[in-house]
Amino acid sequence: MTGPYLLPAHLDPVQPRYQASFAVEVDGRRVTAHAGQTVAAVLMSLGLTSWRESGGRGRRRGLFCGIGVCAECVLVVNGTPGVRACLRSVEPGDVISTRGREERG
């Protein structure tokens, strides 16, 4: 990865714990994620801007506040419902589900 705001891994002061990129599963599809990305960042890199519906009116929901306050971005990660996509960093082998009622948390 290159760009004016991206550091090569060896210069990153955070020192990512995992290889630069790895596979995760999103709704049964194997996709590439990068160390340090949140679940929301992975979904948005796939073009997904909303991944659940509100309880009452069925309106589409996704990333809203981006800091874990609103819970609009909740989904299922590794079988755990109610995970805030904006706060959870992806890890190698994660299984992410944007489908079903179980993601409301």
Protein backbone atom coordinates (compact mmCIF):
# COMPACT_ATOMS: atom_id res chain seq x y z
CA MET A 1 0.00 0.00 0.00
CA THR A 2 1.30 3.41 -0.86
CA GLY A 3 0.04 6.96 -0.71
CA PRO A 4 0.84 10.27 0.95
CA TYR A 5 -0.77 9.27 4.26
CA LEU A 6 0.22 5.60 4.45
CA LEU A 7 3.42 4.38 6.05
CA PRO A 8 5.19 1.20 5.05
CA ALA A 9 4.73 -1.44 7.75
CA HIS A 10 8.34 -1.22 8.93
CA LEU A 11 7.93 2.53 9.66
CA ASP A 12 4.52 2.25 11.34
CA PRO A 13 4.93 3.24 15.01
CA VAL A 14 2.05 0.94 15.96
CA GLN A 15 3.83 -2.09 14.45
CA PRO A 16 0.93 -4.21 13.17
CA ARG A 17 0.82 -7.67 14.77
CA TYR A 18 -0.18 -9.44 11.55
CA GLN A 19 1.03 -9.63 8.02
CA ALA A 20 0.15 -6.66 5.80
CA SER A 21 -2.90 -8.39 4.32
CA PHE A 22 -4.92 -11.48 5.13
CA ALA A 23 -8.22 -13.17 4.32
CA VAL A 24 -11.52 -12.69 6.13
CA GLU A 25 -14.99 -13.89 5.22
CA VAL A 26 -17.85 -11.46 4.58
CA ASP A 27 -21.26 -13.07 4.05
CA GLY A 28 -19.63 -16.27 2.80
CA ARG A 29 -17.24 -14.46 0.46
CA ARG A 30 -13.49 -14.57 1.04
CA VAL A 31 -12.02 -11.05 0.85
CA THR A 32 -8.69 -9.40 1.56
CA ALA A 33 -8.32 -7.21 4.64
CA HIS A 34 -5.34 -5.22 5.83
CA ALA A 35 -3.77 -5.07 9.28
CA GLY A 36 -5.29 -2.20 11.28
CA GLN A 37 -8.54 -1.97 9.33
CA THR A 38 -11.83 -1.95 11.17
CA VAL A 39 -14.66 -4.22 10.08
CA ALA A 40 -16.43 -1.09 8.78
CA ALA A 41 -13.40 -0.19 6.64
CA VAL A 42 -13.37 -3.67 5.10
CA LEU A 43 -17.09 -3.47 4.32
CA MET A 44 -16.78 -0.01 2.84
CA SER A 45 -13.81 -1.13 0.71
CA LEU A 46 -16.24 -3.66 -0.78
CA GLY A 47 -18.70 -0.89 -1.61
CA LEU A 48 -21.08 -1.69 1.26
CA THR A 49 -22.38 1.50 2.85
CA SER A 50 -25.27 -0.08 4.73
CA TRP A 51 -25.56 -3.60 6.08
CA ARG A 52 -28.61 -3.81 8.32
CA GLU A 53 -32.15 -2.46 8.69
CA SER A 54 -33.62 -0.49 11.56
CA GLY A 55 -36.09 -2.34 13.78
CA GLY A 56 -39.27 -0.34 13.21
CA ARG A 57 -39.34 1.04 9.69
CA GLY A 58 -36.80 -1.16 7.93
CA ARG A 59 -34.52 1.72 6.96
CA ARG A 60 -30.99 0.83 5.87
CA ARG A 61 -28.25 1.35 8.45
CA GLY A 62 -24.45 1.29 8.34
CA LEU A 63 -21.58 3.44 9.50
CA PHE A 64 -22.87 6.67 11.05
CA CYS A 65 -20.82 8.12 13.91
CA GLY A 66 -17.69 6.02 13.39
CA ILE A 67 -16.73 6.15 17.10
CA GLY A 68 -18.94 3.50 18.70
CA VAL A 69 -21.61 5.76 20.17
CA CYS A 70 -24.64 5.18 17.95
CA ALA A 71 -24.64 1.37 17.32
CA GLU A 72 -25.95 1.86 13.76
CA CYS A 73 -23.13 -0.31 12.41
CA VAL A 74 -23.69 -3.45 14.52
CA LEU A 75 -23.37 -6.86 12.88
CA VAL A 76 -22.17 -10.38 13.63
CA VAL A 77 -18.46 -11.23 13.88
CA ASN A 78 -17.37 -14.82 14.53
CA GLY A 79 -20.90 -15.67 15.68
CA THR A 80 -21.09 -12.81 18.20
CA PRO A 81 -24.04 -10.46 17.51
CA GLY A 82 -24.05 -6.74 18.29
CA VAL A 83 -20.43 -6.05 17.33
CA ARG A 84 -19.83 -2.42 16.38
CA ALA A 85 -18.12 -2.51 12.98
CA CYS A 86 -16.52 0.90 13.53
CA LEU A 87 -14.66 -0.26 16.66
CA ARG A 88 -13.66 -3.84 15.89
CA SER A 89 -10.35 -4.34 14.08
CA VAL A 90 -10.33 -7.28 11.71
CA GLU A 91 -8.14 -10.25 12.47
CA PRO A 92 -7.04 -13.08 10.19
CA GLY A 93 -9.83 -15.57 9.63
CA ASP A 94 -12.68 -13.41 10.94
CA VAL A 95 -16.15 -14.42 9.76
CA ILE A 96 -18.37 -11.34 9.30
CA SER A 97 -22.11 -11.55 8.69
CA THR A 98 -24.22 -8.58 7.63
CA ARG A 99 -27.38 -10.67 7.18
CA GLY A 100 -30.24 -11.56 9.46
CA ARG A 101 -31.99 -10.15 12.49
CA GLU A 102 -29.33 -11.46 14.88
CA GLU A 103 -27.03 -8.54 14.11
CA ARG A 104 -29.15 -6.04 16.04
CA GLY A 105 -27.52 -5.44 19.35
